[in-house]
Amino acid sequence: MIRLLILSSFFLFSIHKFTFAQTIAFQDVSVLSMEDENIKSNQTVIITDGVINTVGASSDVRIPRRAQVIQGDFFLMPGLAEMHAHIPPIRQGEEYQKDVLAMYMMQGVTTIRGMLGEASHLELREKTATGKIPGPRILTSGPSFNSNSISNPEQAREMVREQVEAGYDLLKFHPGIGLDEFYAIVDEARYAGIDFSGHISYDVGLEITLASGKGTIDHLDRYMEFLAGDAALRTDPPIIYFGYDLTPHVDREKIEKAAYLTANAGVWNVPTNTLLENIFNVQNSIDDMKNWPGMDLMPASMVENWSNFVRNFRDNEIFDEEQANQFLEIRRLLTLALHEQGAGLLLGADAPQIFNPPGYAIHRELELLLAAGLTPFEALTTGTVNVGIYLQEQNGHGKIKEGYKADIIVLDRNPLTSIPFGNYIQGVMSNGIFYNSDDLNQMRKSILERRNSE
């Protein structure tokens, strides 16, 4: 538990949260700055107005008067980003929206990129940014572009203009977009200077997508089609398959080419491997997944729906365990190849989706990046440094460094040797506000009480 030290030369309040207007000093802590994979011990980090003011050896750093001083055997690292997140729609209730945002933040997720937005999410973006409600920084798309929302190029252009005017941060693609509509969206988005990301439609495919300069490809969508060649010229299966049916036709020697083309195009990927592992990997039994961390904070009806979906999917005649394992192996090989070729990877778990509780699932996604062959440091870059580069905020996001935004996780274990480290979080600073372990525990308790009363 975090200790607040009351020292005669410092002015401390016995409170749990601190606002932007105060100075906070983490004294004699270990720091993983994410500038490199070295952890520096006996460091002092000073935050003023939500920005990192000073990082240095404790013997050399003078703590300002009236600072809030926090000491302990702690490790500090930058907050994580969930780059394929979902915020519930307002029809599910404002309280549930707030619970989901709190869950992200409780697990060290200090930035989320909402991938199916609506007007209420713009309001939530403002409320978390100003500290009115606990939660991460929000970037949000608008409603998705798909076969139901657009049917011709001019309609597609108008939808882009409407979302830009409304103030959304990016455009979200779902399947079903025709090639003419795709080119219209890309042209209008480039003119407006707005990112477009998400799924790849069957008529568009991987190579046209890469040539478009799309922001991110999510779920490794349409890579299986590229790897399978002519076998991909079949009726498009349901969205959740992501090319599983093409597994027997995949040419693994083309994985390096796909990764090279992606890197050369400058397009990023958010693999969301945990989503596919939860569905296709029978080693993850439904009973086990129902008991994963954070599942007790999800609505019981949602958990039951997830359970039924996975059970029915695995009972379907198209499902084959050996093929499923090969499919997941190909995804791991592709994830590693993209990384090794320098094609940017961003952290994302597609929460809250099938057995992926908000915040909690991001730690499992980190585990799966390790399973794919990334080192712990490389895995952590996908949710910190890489996000700053992608958002063109590399001089202010994703590091414990002077001048950077003070999104910080406080742990009682070394994060490089403790993935998943969700159980070791002792505090989180998000949007300029610090929440200690008591705050986080109280948030969890309150959410659990609401779920149990439903």
Protein backbone atom coordinates (compact mmCIF):
# COMPACT_ATOMS: atom_id res chain seq x y z
CA MET A 1 0.00 0.00 0.00
CA ILE A 2 1.30 3.46 -0.86
CA ARG A 3 2.49 5.54 2.07
CA LEU A 4 2.09 9.30 2.19
CA LEU A 5 4.92 10.66 4.29
CA ILE A 6 4.32 13.71 6.46
CA LEU A 7 7.66 15.44 6.81
CA SER A 8 8.24 18.68 8.62
CA SER A 9 9.57 20.40 5.53
CA PHE A 10 6.69 19.27 3.32
CA PHE A 11 2.99 19.98 3.32
CA LEU A 12 0.86 16.88 2.77
CA PHE A 13 -2.85 16.29 2.86
CA SER A 14 -4.33 13.05 4.10
CA ILE A 15 -6.35 12.52 0.94
CA HIS A 16 -6.41 9.88 -1.76
CA LYS A 17 -6.54 11.94 -4.95
CA PHE A 18 -4.49 14.90 -6.08
CA THR A 19 -5.48 17.29 -8.84
CA PHE A 20 -3.45 18.93 -11.59
CA ALA A 21 -2.76 22.01 -9.47
CA GLN A 22 -0.58 20.16 -6.96
CA THR A 23 2.97 18.88 -6.99
CA ILE A 24 3.58 15.21 -6.29
CA ALA A 25 6.98 13.67 -5.61
CA PHE A 26 7.66 9.94 -5.85
CA GLN A 27 10.80 9.62 -3.75
CA ASP A 28 13.38 6.79 -3.73
CA VAL A 29 11.59 4.64 -6.31
CA SER A 30 12.75 2.48 -9.21
CA VAL A 31 11.90 3.78 -12.67
CA LEU A 32 11.37 2.03 -15.98
CA SER A 33 11.42 5.13 -18.16
CA MET A 34 10.87 3.16 -21.43
CA GLU A 35 13.73 5.11 -22.99
CA ASP A 36 15.58 1.82 -22.69
CA GLU A 37 15.08 -1.40 -20.75
CA ASN A 38 17.27 -0.41 -17.80
CA ILE A 39 15.52 0.13 -14.50
CA LYS A 40 17.06 2.93 -12.47
CA SER A 41 16.81 2.67 -8.69
CA ASN A 42 16.85 5.41 -6.03
CA GLN A 43 15.09 7.86 -8.30
CA THR A 44 12.80 10.77 -7.51
CA VAL A 45 10.08 11.81 -9.95
CA ILE A 46 8.31 15.13 -9.50
CA ILE A 47 4.99 15.90 -11.21
CA THR A 48 3.52 19.38 -11.46
CA ASP A 49 0.18 20.16 -13.04
CA GLY A 50 -0.03 16.68 -14.53
CA VAL A 51 3.35 16.92 -16.28
CA ILE A 52 6.62 15.22 -15.32
CA ASN A 53 8.81 18.05 -14.09
CA THR A 54 11.92 16.25 -12.83
CA VAL A 55 13.42 12.74 -13.02
CA GLY A 56 16.73 12.07 -11.34
CA ALA A 57 18.76 10.43 -8.63
CA SER A 58 17.16 11.08 -5.25
CA SER A 59 20.46 12.42 -3.90
CA ASP A 60 20.42 15.14 -6.56
CA VAL A 61 16.75 16.13 -6.63
CA ARG A 62 15.39 18.81 -4.33
CA ILE A 63 11.73 18.23 -3.51
CA PRO A 64 9.69 21.44 -3.61
CA ARG A 65 8.04 22.72 -0.48
CA ARG A 66 4.36 21.85 -0.14
CA ALA A 67 4.81 18.80 -2.40
CA GLN A 68 2.88 15.60 -1.84
CA VAL A 69 5.57 13.01 -1.13
CA ILE A 70 5.06 9.31 -1.84
CA GLN A 71 7.66 6.76 -0.80
CA GLY A 72 7.87 3.00 -0.90
CA ASP A 73 9.54 0.04 -2.54
CA PHE A 74 7.86 0.87 -5.83
CA PHE A 75 8.48 0.68 -9.56
CA LEU A 76 7.19 3.45 -11.81
CA MET A 77 6.47 2.99 -15.50
CA PRO A 78 4.36 4.87 -18.07
CA GLY A 79 0.66 4.14 -18.23
CA LEU A 80 -0.51 1.68 -20.88
CA ALA A 81 -2.76 2.36 -23.85
CA GLU A 82 -5.58 0.11 -25.05
CA MET A 83 -5.65 0.93 -28.76
CA HIS A 84 -8.68 -1.18 -29.64
CA ALA A 85 -11.04 -0.38 -26.79
CA HIS A 86 -14.78 -0.14 -26.56
CA ILE A 87 -16.89 2.17 -24.42
CA PRO A 88 -20.46 0.97 -23.83
CA PRO A 89 -23.21 2.89 -25.62
CA ILE A 90 -25.36 5.18 -23.50
CA ARG A 91 -28.29 2.78 -23.90
CA GLN A 92 -26.47 0.44 -21.48
CA GLY A 93 -26.55 3.16 -18.84
CA GLU A 94 -24.32 6.01 -17.78
CA GLU A 95 -23.27 4.16 -14.63
CA TYR A 96 -22.04 1.16 -16.60
CA GLN A 97 -20.10 3.48 -18.93
CA LYS A 98 -18.35 4.97 -15.91
CA ASP A 99 -17.62 1.52 -14.48
CA VAL A 100 -15.94 0.43 -17.71
CA LEU A 101 -13.78 3.56 -17.83
CA ALA A 102 -12.79 3.03 -14.19
CA MET A 103 -11.87 -0.59 -14.93
CA TYR A 104 -9.48 0.47 -17.67
CA MET A 105 -7.80 2.98 -15.40
CA MET A 106 -7.67 0.63 -12.38
CA GLN A 107 -5.47 -1.72 -14.40
CA GLY A 108 -3.02 0.93 -15.52
CA VAL A 109 -4.64 1.82 -18.84
CA THR A 110 -4.36 5.59 -19.05
CA THR A 111 -5.24 6.02 -22.74
CA ILE A 112 -7.92 4.23 -24.74
CA ARG A 113 -8.85 4.44 -28.39
CA GLY A 114 -12.57 3.76 -28.59
CA MET A 115 -13.38 1.85 -31.76
CA LEU A 116 -17.16 2.19 -31.96
CA GLY A 117 -18.12 5.64 -30.83
CA GLU A 118 -21.21 7.77 -30.42
CA ALA A 119 -22.04 11.27 -29.20
CA SER A 120 -22.08 10.27 -25.52
CA HIS A 121 -18.43 9.22 -25.81
CA LEU A 122 -17.47 12.77 -26.75
CA GLU A 123 -18.97 13.92 -23.46
CA LEU A 124 -17.11 11.19 -21.58
CA ARG A 125 -13.89 12.29 -23.29
CA GLU A 126 -14.34 15.74 -21.78
CA LYS A 127 -15.29 14.43 -18.33
CA THR A 128 -12.26 12.16 -17.97
CA ALA A 129 -9.94 14.84 -19.36
CA THR A 130 -11.09 17.31 -16.70
CA GLY A 131 -11.16 14.78 -13.86
CA LYS A 132 -14.93 14.88 -13.41
CA ILE A 133 -15.02 11.09 -13.58
CA PRO A 134 -12.15 8.60 -13.09
CA GLY A 135 -10.87 7.09 -16.28
CA PRO A 136 -8.26 7.15 -19.01
CA ARG A 137 -7.68 9.70 -21.71
CA ILE A 138 -10.20 8.93 -24.45
CA LEU A 139 -9.67 8.98 -28.19
CA THR A 140 -12.83 7.93 -29.97
CA SER A 141 -14.11 7.05 -33.39
CA GLY A 142 -17.61 7.83 -34.47
CA PRO A 143 -20.17 5.25 -35.63
CA SER A 144 -18.57 2.78 -38.02
CA PHE A 145 -18.39 2.84 -41.80
CA ASN A 146 -19.95 -0.38 -43.09
CA SER A 147 -22.40 -1.82 -45.61
CA ASN A 148 -25.35 -0.58 -43.57
CA SER A 149 -24.13 2.96 -42.93
CA ILE A 150 -22.97 3.86 -46.46
CA SER A 151 -24.09 2.72 -49.90
CA ASN A 152 -22.43 5.15 -52.34
CA PRO A 153 -19.32 7.35 -52.52
CA GLU A 154 -21.06 10.68 -51.86
CA GLN A 155 -22.79 9.26 -48.80
CA ALA A 156 -19.39 8.03 -47.61
CA ARG A 157 -17.85 11.47 -48.08
CA GLU A 158 -20.69 13.15 -46.23
CA MET A 159 -20.33 10.74 -43.30
CA VAL A 160 -16.63 11.62 -43.07
CA ARG A 161 -17.43 15.34 -43.02
CA GLU A 162 -20.11 14.87 -40.36
CA GLN A 163 -17.76 12.96 -38.07
CA VAL A 164 -14.97 15.49 -38.51
CA GLU A 165 -17.35 18.32 -37.67
CA ALA A 166 -18.64 16.43 -34.62
CA GLY A 167 -15.09 16.22 -33.27
CA TYR A 168 -14.34 12.50 -33.41
CA ASP A 169 -10.68 11.54 -33.33
CA LEU A 170 -10.73 8.86 -36.04
CA LEU A 171 -12.91 6.92 -38.47
CA LYS A 172 -13.73 3.25 -37.78
CA PHE A 173 -14.07 0.73 -40.59
CA HIS A 174 -16.19 -2.41 -40.38
CA PRO A 175 -16.54 -4.95 -43.24
CA GLY A 176 -18.85 -4.49 -46.21
CA ILE A 177 -17.35 -1.31 -47.68
CA GLY A 178 -17.23 -1.35 -51.49
CA LEU A 179 -14.10 -0.25 -53.33
CA ASP A 180 -15.64 2.99 -54.65
CA GLU A 181 -16.84 3.91 -51.17
CA PHE A 182 -13.44 3.05 -49.72
CA TYR A 183 -11.60 5.37 -52.10
CA ALA A 184 -14.09 8.15 -51.36
CA ILE A 185 -13.57 7.79 -47.60
CA VAL A 186 -9.79 7.74 -47.97
CA ASP A 187 -9.80 10.84 -50.17
CA GLU A 188 -12.09 12.77 -47.83
CA ALA A 189 -10.20 11.62 -44.73
CA ARG A 190 -6.87 12.73 -46.18
CA TYR A 191 -8.34 16.13 -47.02
CA ALA A 192 -9.68 16.49 -43.48
CA GLY A 193 -6.53 15.11 -41.85
CA ILE A 194 -8.32 12.43 -39.85
CA ASP A 195 -7.11 8.89 -39.16
CA PHE A 196 -9.05 5.88 -40.47
CA SER A 197 -8.56 2.45 -38.91
CA GLY A 198 -10.15 -0.89 -38.15
CA HIS A 199 -11.26 -3.81 -40.30
CA ILE A 200 -10.55 -4.47 -43.97
CA SER A 201 -13.46 -5.17 -46.30
CA TYR A 202 -13.46 -8.18 -48.64
CA ASP A 203 -13.60 -6.00 -51.77
CA VAL A 204 -10.65 -3.92 -50.58
CA GLY A 205 -8.12 -6.45 -49.34
CA LEU A 206 -4.73 -6.08 -47.71
CA GLU A 207 -2.66 -4.63 -50.54
CA ILE A 208 -5.08 -1.81 -51.42
CA THR A 209 -5.39 -1.05 -47.72
CA LEU A 210 -1.62 -0.78 -47.34
CA ALA A 211 -1.42 1.51 -50.35
CA SER A 212 -4.07 3.78 -48.81
CA GLY A 213 -1.89 4.64 -45.81
CA LYS A 214 -4.52 3.44 -43.37
CA GLY A 215 -3.72 4.21 -39.73
CA THR A 216 -4.08 0.77 -38.23
CA ILE A 217 -5.23 -2.66 -39.31
CA ASP A 218 -6.98 -4.26 -36.37
CA HIS A 219 -7.21 -7.99 -35.52
CA LEU A 220 -4.63 -8.79 -38.28
CA ASP A 221 -7.62 -8.60 -40.58
CA ARG A 222 -7.20 -9.96 -44.16
CA TYR A 223 -3.63 -11.15 -43.67
CA MET A 224 -4.86 -14.75 -43.86
CA GLU A 225 -6.46 -13.94 -47.23
CA PHE A 226 -3.15 -12.54 -48.46
CA LEU A 227 -1.28 -15.61 -47.26
CA ALA A 228 -3.79 -18.04 -48.77
CA GLY A 229 -3.76 -16.66 -52.33
CA ASP A 230 -6.51 -17.86 -54.67
CA ALA A 231 -8.17 -19.89 -51.90
CA ALA A 232 -9.34 -16.55 -50.46
CA LEU A 233 -11.65 -16.03 -53.44
CA ARG A 234 -14.58 -17.58 -51.60
CA THR A 235 -17.74 -16.25 -50.04
CA ASP A 236 -16.73 -14.05 -47.13
CA PRO A 237 -17.35 -15.89 -43.83
CA PRO A 238 -18.67 -14.25 -40.62
CA ILE A 239 -16.53 -11.47 -39.22
CA ILE A 240 -15.17 -13.38 -36.22
CA TYR A 241 -13.38 -16.00 -38.34
CA PHE A 242 -10.59 -13.65 -39.49
CA GLY A 243 -9.48 -16.17 -42.11
CA TYR A 244 -9.57 -19.27 -39.90
CA ASP A 245 -11.14 -21.24 -42.75
CA LEU A 246 -8.11 -20.50 -44.93
CA THR A 247 -5.59 -22.03 -42.51
CA PRO A 248 -4.94 -25.17 -44.64
CA HIS A 249 -4.14 -22.96 -47.66
CA VAL A 250 -1.71 -20.54 -46.02
CA ASP A 251 1.75 -20.22 -47.52
CA ARG A 252 3.87 -19.48 -44.47
CA GLU A 253 6.75 -18.30 -46.63
CA LYS A 254 4.60 -15.27 -47.51
CA ILE A 255 4.48 -14.09 -43.87
CA GLU A 256 7.76 -12.20 -44.23
CA LYS A 257 6.53 -10.57 -47.43
CA ALA A 258 3.32 -9.46 -45.74
CA ALA A 259 5.31 -7.99 -42.88
CA TYR A 260 7.73 -6.26 -45.25
CA LEU A 261 4.90 -4.73 -47.28
CA THR A 262 3.25 -3.49 -44.10
CA ALA A 263 6.43 -1.92 -42.77
CA ASN A 264 7.16 -0.32 -46.14
CA ALA A 265 3.65 1.17 -46.21
CA GLY A 266 4.00 2.62 -42.72
CA VAL A 267 0.74 1.02 -41.61
CA TRP A 268 0.41 -0.12 -37.99
CA ASN A 269 -1.30 -3.18 -36.53
CA VAL A 270 -3.33 -3.81 -33.38
CA PRO A 271 -3.34 -7.65 -33.29
CA THR A 272 -5.90 -8.19 -30.44
CA ASN A 273 -4.60 -11.77 -30.21
CA THR A 274 -6.35 -12.41 -26.92
CA LEU A 275 -9.76 -12.14 -28.61
CA LEU A 276 -8.94 -14.97 -31.02
CA GLU A 277 -7.22 -17.06 -28.34
CA ASN A 278 -10.32 -16.85 -26.17
CA ILE A 279 -12.45 -18.23 -28.99
CA PHE A 280 -10.19 -20.72 -30.75
CA ASN A 281 -7.87 -22.05 -28.04
CA VAL A 282 -9.68 -24.93 -26.30
CA GLN A 283 -7.02 -24.87 -23.57
CA ASN A 284 -8.91 -21.79 -22.41
CA SER A 285 -11.96 -23.56 -21.07
CA ILE A 286 -15.13 -21.58 -20.54
CA ASP A 287 -15.03 -22.32 -16.81
CA ASP A 288 -11.44 -21.07 -16.58
CA MET A 289 -12.16 -17.91 -18.55
CA LYS A 290 -15.18 -17.12 -16.36
CA ASN A 291 -12.77 -16.99 -13.41
CA TRP A 292 -10.12 -14.81 -15.00
CA PRO A 293 -9.23 -11.52 -13.24
CA GLY A 294 -11.89 -8.87 -13.76
CA MET A 295 -14.61 -11.25 -14.89
CA ASP A 296 -16.46 -10.76 -11.60
CA LEU A 297 -16.88 -7.09 -12.54
CA MET A 298 -18.71 -7.86 -15.77
CA PRO A 299 -22.53 -8.11 -15.95
CA ALA A 300 -23.66 -11.72 -15.44
CA SER A 301 -25.81 -11.63 -18.57
CA MET A 302 -22.81 -10.57 -20.65
CA VAL A 303 -20.65 -13.37 -19.25
CA GLU A 304 -23.41 -15.87 -20.04
CA ASN A 305 -23.67 -14.56 -23.61
CA TRP A 306 -19.91 -14.91 -24.05
CA SER A 307 -20.02 -18.44 -22.66
CA ASN A 308 -22.80 -19.46 -25.02
CA PHE A 309 -21.04 -17.91 -28.00
CA VAL A 310 -17.78 -19.75 -27.39
CA ARG A 311 -19.56 -23.02 -26.60
CA ASN A 312 -21.64 -22.85 -29.77
CA PHE A 313 -18.65 -21.83 -31.87
CA ARG A 314 -16.53 -24.73 -30.69
CA ASP A 315 -19.46 -27.16 -31.15
CA ASN A 316 -19.94 -26.06 -34.76
CA GLU A 317 -18.91 -28.58 -37.41
CA ILE A 318 -16.56 -26.08 -39.02
CA PHE A 319 -14.44 -25.94 -35.86
CA ASP A 320 -11.42 -28.23 -35.75
CA GLU A 321 -9.04 -28.10 -32.80
CA GLU A 322 -5.91 -28.89 -34.80
CA GLN A 323 -6.76 -26.30 -37.43
CA ALA A 324 -7.54 -23.77 -34.70
CA ASN A 325 -4.11 -24.32 -33.15
CA GLN A 326 -2.44 -23.84 -36.54
CA PHE A 327 -4.47 -20.67 -37.09
CA LEU A 328 -3.32 -19.24 -33.76
CA GLU A 329 0.28 -20.25 -34.50
CA ILE A 330 0.16 -18.38 -37.82
CA ARG A 331 -1.11 -15.30 -36.01
CA ARG A 332 1.80 -15.51 -33.55
CA LEU A 333 4.30 -15.90 -36.41
CA LEU A 334 2.76 -12.92 -38.20
CA THR A 335 2.82 -10.81 -35.05
CA LEU A 336 6.53 -11.51 -34.58
CA ALA A 337 7.32 -10.95 -38.26
CA LEU A 338 5.59 -7.56 -38.23
CA HIS A 339 7.62 -6.59 -35.18
CA GLU A 340 10.91 -7.81 -36.61
CA GLN A 341 10.33 -6.05 -39.93
CA GLY A 342 9.68 -2.77 -38.12
CA ALA A 343 5.97 -2.64 -38.87
CA GLY A 344 4.54 -0.90 -35.83
CA LEU A 345 2.56 -2.89 -33.28
CA LEU A 346 0.12 -1.26 -30.86
CA LEU A 347 -1.37 -2.84 -27.75
CA GLY A 348 -5.06 -3.67 -27.82
CA ALA A 349 -7.37 -6.40 -26.50
CA ASP A 350 -10.75 -5.41 -27.96
CA ALA A 351 -12.26 -5.04 -24.49
CA PRO A 352 -14.94 -5.51 -23.39
CA GLN A 353 -15.42 -8.34 -25.82
CA ILE A 354 -15.47 -12.13 -25.43
CA PHE A 355 -13.90 -12.82 -22.01
CA ASN A 356 -11.85 -9.61 -22.20
CA PRO A 357 -12.72 -7.39 -19.20
CA PRO A 358 -11.65 -3.76 -19.68
CA GLY A 359 -8.13 -3.15 -18.41
CA TYR A 360 -7.60 -6.67 -17.16
CA ALA A 361 -7.45 -8.09 -20.70
CA ILE A 362 -4.57 -5.83 -21.69
CA HIS A 363 -2.27 -7.79 -19.37
CA ARG A 364 -3.22 -11.00 -21.14
CA GLU A 365 -2.48 -9.32 -24.48
CA LEU A 366 0.99 -8.50 -23.15
CA GLU A 367 1.43 -12.19 -22.24
CA LEU A 368 0.52 -13.19 -25.77
CA LEU A 369 3.07 -10.79 -27.23
CA LEU A 370 5.67 -12.61 -25.14
CA ALA A 371 4.33 -15.92 -26.44
CA ALA A 372 4.79 -14.59 -29.99
CA GLY A 373 8.47 -13.95 -29.30
CA LEU A 374 8.72 -10.33 -28.17
CA THR A 375 10.80 -9.53 -25.09
CA PRO A 376 9.01 -8.00 -22.08
CA PHE A 377 10.43 -4.58 -22.93
CA GLU A 378 9.38 -4.89 -26.57
CA ALA A 379 5.88 -5.93 -25.50
CA LEU A 380 5.59 -2.90 -23.21
CA THR A 381 6.67 -0.55 -26.00
CA THR A 382 3.48 -1.46 -27.91
CA GLY A 383 1.41 0.18 -25.18
CA THR A 384 3.71 3.10 -24.36
CA VAL A 385 6.44 4.43 -26.66
CA ASN A 386 4.84 3.11 -29.86
CA VAL A 387 1.58 4.83 -29.00
CA GLY A 388 3.37 8.15 -28.66
CA ILE A 389 4.99 7.65 -32.07
CA TYR A 390 1.72 6.61 -33.68
CA LEU A 391 -0.16 9.58 -32.24
CA GLN A 392 2.75 11.87 -33.18
CA GLU A 393 3.17 12.69 -29.51
CA GLN A 394 6.58 11.07 -29.16
CA ASN A 395 7.87 14.08 -27.22
CA GLY A 396 5.15 13.86 -24.60
CA HIS A 397 3.63 10.38 -24.34
CA GLY A 398 4.82 6.94 -23.28
CA LYS A 399 7.90 7.64 -21.16
CA ILE A 400 8.83 8.67 -17.64
CA LYS A 401 10.73 11.71 -18.81
CA GLU A 402 10.82 15.40 -18.12
CA GLY A 403 8.16 17.26 -20.09
CA TYR A 404 6.03 14.17 -20.68
CA LYS A 405 2.43 13.73 -19.65
CA ALA A 406 2.28 12.17 -16.18
CA ASP A 407 0.40 8.99 -17.00
CA ILE A 408 2.05 6.61 -14.57
CA ILE A 409 1.63 3.13 -13.10
CA VAL A 410 3.01 2.45 -9.62
CA LEU A 411 3.87 -1.21 -8.97
CA ASP A 412 5.35 -3.24 -6.17
CA ARG A 413 7.08 -5.59 -8.65
CA ASN A 414 9.43 -5.12 -11.58
CA PRO A 415 7.12 -4.97 -14.63
CA LEU A 416 9.77 -6.54 -16.87
CA THR A 417 9.72 -9.74 -14.83
CA SER A 418 6.07 -9.76 -13.74
CA ILE A 419 3.88 -9.77 -16.87
CA PRO A 420 0.94 -9.97 -16.25
CA PHE A 421 1.32 -7.37 -13.50
CA GLY A 422 -2.29 -6.35 -12.90
CA ASN A 423 -2.23 -7.72 -9.35
CA TYR A 424 0.83 -5.65 -8.47
CA ILE A 425 -0.55 -2.21 -9.26
CA GLN A 426 -0.40 0.06 -6.22
CA GLY A 427 -1.42 3.31 -7.83
CA VAL A 428 -2.25 4.97 -11.14
CA MET A 429 -1.91 8.55 -12.29
CA SER A 430 -4.28 9.37 -15.14
CA ASN A 431 -5.29 12.74 -16.55
CA GLY A 432 -3.28 14.50 -13.86
CA ILE A 433 -4.97 12.74 -10.94
CA PHE A 434 -3.30 10.14 -8.75
CA TYR A 435 -5.31 7.22 -7.39
CA ASN A 436 -3.61 5.18 -4.68
CA SER A 437 -4.27 1.56 -3.78
CA ASP A 438 -7.10 2.49 -1.42
CA ASP A 439 -8.84 4.42 -4.19
CA LEU A 440 -8.42 1.57 -6.66
CA ASN A 441 -9.69 -0.99 -4.16
CA GLN A 442 -12.71 1.16 -3.38
CA MET A 443 -13.52 1.53 -7.07
CA ARG A 444 -13.35 -2.21 -7.51
CA LYS A 445 -15.51 -2.79 -4.44
CA SER A 446 -18.16 -0.35 -5.66
CA ILE A 447 -18.31 -1.91 -9.13
CA LEU A 448 -18.51 -5.41 -7.65
CA GLU A 449 -21.39 -4.36 -5.41
CA ARG A 450 -23.29 -3.03 -8.40
CA ARG A 451 -22.72 -6.23 -10.38
CA ASN A 452 -23.84 -8.37 -7.43
CA SER A 453 -27.02 -6.34 -7.02
CA GLU A 454 -28.08 -6.77 -10.66
